[in-house]
Protein backbone atom coordinates (compact mmCIF):
# COMPACT_ATOMS: atom_id res chain seq x y z
CA UNK A 1 117.47 91.67 74.78
CA UNK A 2 115.10 92.54 77.43
CA UNK A 3 111.66 91.83 78.95
CA UNK A 4 109.75 93.88 81.58
CA UNK A 5 108.93 92.67 84.84
CA UNK A 6 105.50 94.24 85.87
CA UNK A 7 103.63 93.04 88.90
CA UNK A 8 100.67 94.29 90.25
CA UNK A 9 102.01 92.87 93.83
CA UNK A 10 104.12 95.51 94.20
CA UNK A 11 104.05 99.10 93.74
CA UNK A 12 103.34 101.05 90.14
CA UNK A 13 106.63 103.14 89.80
CA UNK A 14 106.21 106.66 90.08
CA UNK A 15 108.49 107.43 87.41
CA UNK A 16 110.01 106.82 83.89
CA UNK A 17 110.96 103.25 84.81
CA UNK A 18 109.59 99.63 85.19
CA UNK A 19 109.46 97.33 88.23
CA UNK A 20 112.22 95.25 87.04
CA UNK A 21 114.07 94.35 84.00
CA UNK A 22 115.08 90.66 82.96
CA UNK A 23 118.11 90.67 80.46
CA UNK A 24 118.79 87.09 79.72
CA UNK A 25 119.16 85.11 83.28
CA UNK A 26 119.80 88.40 84.67
CA UNK A 27 116.83 90.16 87.02
CA UNK A 28 117.68 93.50 87.78
CA UNK A 29 115.25 95.07 90.03
CA UNK A 30 114.14 99.25 90.84
CA UNK A 31 114.66 100.50 93.58
CA UNK A 32 111.67 99.47 96.21
CA UNK A 33 110.62 101.64 98.97
CA UNK A 34 107.32 101.06 101.45
CA UNK A 35 104.26 102.22 98.91
CA UNK A 36 101.80 99.33 99.93
CA UNK A 37 100.43 98.15 96.50
CA UNK A 38 97.07 97.77 97.60
CA UNK A 39 95.74 101.18 98.52
CA UNK A 40 99.41 103.26 96.87
CA UNK A 41 99.96 104.61 100.29
CA UNK A 42 103.25 105.46 101.67
CA UNK A 43 104.09 103.33 104.68
CA UNK A 44 107.02 104.64 107.13
CA UNK A 45 105.96 105.34 110.76
CA UNK A 46 108.41 102.58 111.65
CA UNK A 47 111.38 101.63 110.28
CA UNK A 48 110.97 97.78 111.16
CA UNK A 49 107.25 97.87 109.26
CA UNK A 50 108.55 99.97 106.29
CA UNK A 51 111.50 97.71 105.64
CA UNK A 52 109.38 94.71 105.84
CA UNK A 53 107.02 96.17 103.22
CA UNK A 54 110.49 97.37 100.81
CA UNK A 55 111.47 93.40 100.87
CA UNK A 56 107.72 91.73 100.36
CA UNK A 57 107.62 94.71 97.56
CA UNK A 58 111.08 93.04 96.10
CA UNK A 59 109.61 89.45 97.05
CA UNK A 60 106.93 90.13 94.52
CA UNK A 61 109.11 91.14 91.65
CA UNK A 62 111.22 88.08 92.04
CA UNK A 63 108.03 86.24 92.10
CA UNK A 64 106.79 87.76 88.92
CA UNK A 65 110.50 86.81 87.52
CA UNK A 66 109.76 83.00 88.60
CA UNK A 67 112.57 83.66 91.27
CA UNK A 68 113.19 83.95 95.12
CA UNK A 69 115.46 85.42 97.36
CA UNK A 70 118.04 82.70 96.68
CA UNK A 71 118.35 83.66 93.27
CA UNK A 72 119.53 86.75 94.71
CA UNK A 73 123.24 88.08 94.07
CA UNK A 74 123.67 91.99 94.82
CA UNK A 75 121.58 94.04 97.13
CA UNK A 76 121.62 97.99 97.12
CA UNK A 77 120.84 99.33 100.73
CA UNK A 78 120.09 103.44 100.60
CA UNK A 79 119.01 104.62 104.17
CA UNK A 80 118.42 108.36 105.36
CA UNK A 81 120.05 107.54 108.56
CA UNK A 82 122.55 104.95 109.50
CA UNK A 83 121.38 105.05 113.08
CA UNK A 84 118.68 102.90 111.74
CA UNK A 85 121.01 100.27 109.99
CA UNK A 86 120.82 97.67 112.66
CA UNK A 87 116.88 97.76 112.80
CA UNK A 88 116.68 97.00 108.64
CA UNK A 89 119.32 94.40 109.11
CA UNK A 90 117.46 92.48 111.27
CA UNK A 91 114.50 93.01 108.72
CA UNK A 92 116.02 92.11 105.83
CA UNK A 93 118.37 89.36 107.34
CA UNK A 94 114.98 87.18 107.62
CA UNK A 95 114.55 86.92 103.80
CA UNK A 96 118.52 85.17 103.34
CA UNK A 97 120.22 82.42 104.55
CA UNK A 98 123.56 84.06 105.80
CA UNK A 99 125.28 80.90 104.23
CA UNK A 100 124.09 81.90 100.58
CA UNK A 101 123.05 86.07 101.33
CA UNK A 102 123.98 87.95 98.67
CA UNK A 103 126.43 90.75 98.22
CA UNK A 104 125.73 93.99 99.28
CA UNK A 105 125.99 97.53 99.97
CA UNK A 106 124.64 100.41 102.75
CA UNK A 107 124.44 104.20 101.73
CA UNK A 108 123.48 106.57 103.95
CA UNK A 109 121.67 109.06 101.28
CA UNK A 110 120.73 112.97 102.27
CA UNK A 111 117.03 112.34 100.53
CA UNK A 112 115.28 109.14 99.11
CA UNK A 113 111.99 109.40 97.27
CA UNK A 114 108.82 110.42 98.73
CA UNK A 115 111.53 111.40 101.61
CA UNK A 116 111.16 107.53 102.73
CA UNK A 117 113.56 105.92 105.30
CA UNK A 118 115.37 103.08 103.19
CA UNK A 119 115.20 102.04 99.59
CA UNK A 120 116.13 98.63 98.38
CA UNK A 121 117.38 97.37 94.93
CA UNK A 122 118.38 94.00 93.85
CA UNK A 123 120.05 91.82 91.29
CA UNK A 124 119.54 88.20 90.63
CA UNK A 125 120.26 85.57 88.52
CA UNK A 126 118.46 82.58 87.44
């Protein structure tokens, strides 16, 4: 059985998907990009602020499922330019404790939705 997780504190989906699905005690988030949930506008002028908004959107989705970053067991990071990895990693790292950080992969791709620079999804477990 699955439950749909939805919050107004994260952007509305831009396609036929949900912000997250809770199946048992495991949460699967959809990839988040830097859409401001208040005004629906992209904020992609600076990679650090873009990454922070992505992480804040994910934080809102986690909170809607009564979870936080300590519950995250796996992340997937998609970037349009691997040269931004260090800056993305700097912001991403502020959301996790190094000793309990999740498993992850970071992959450079040709394009991302709305031509953003970074998209991140997570799997979390209660």
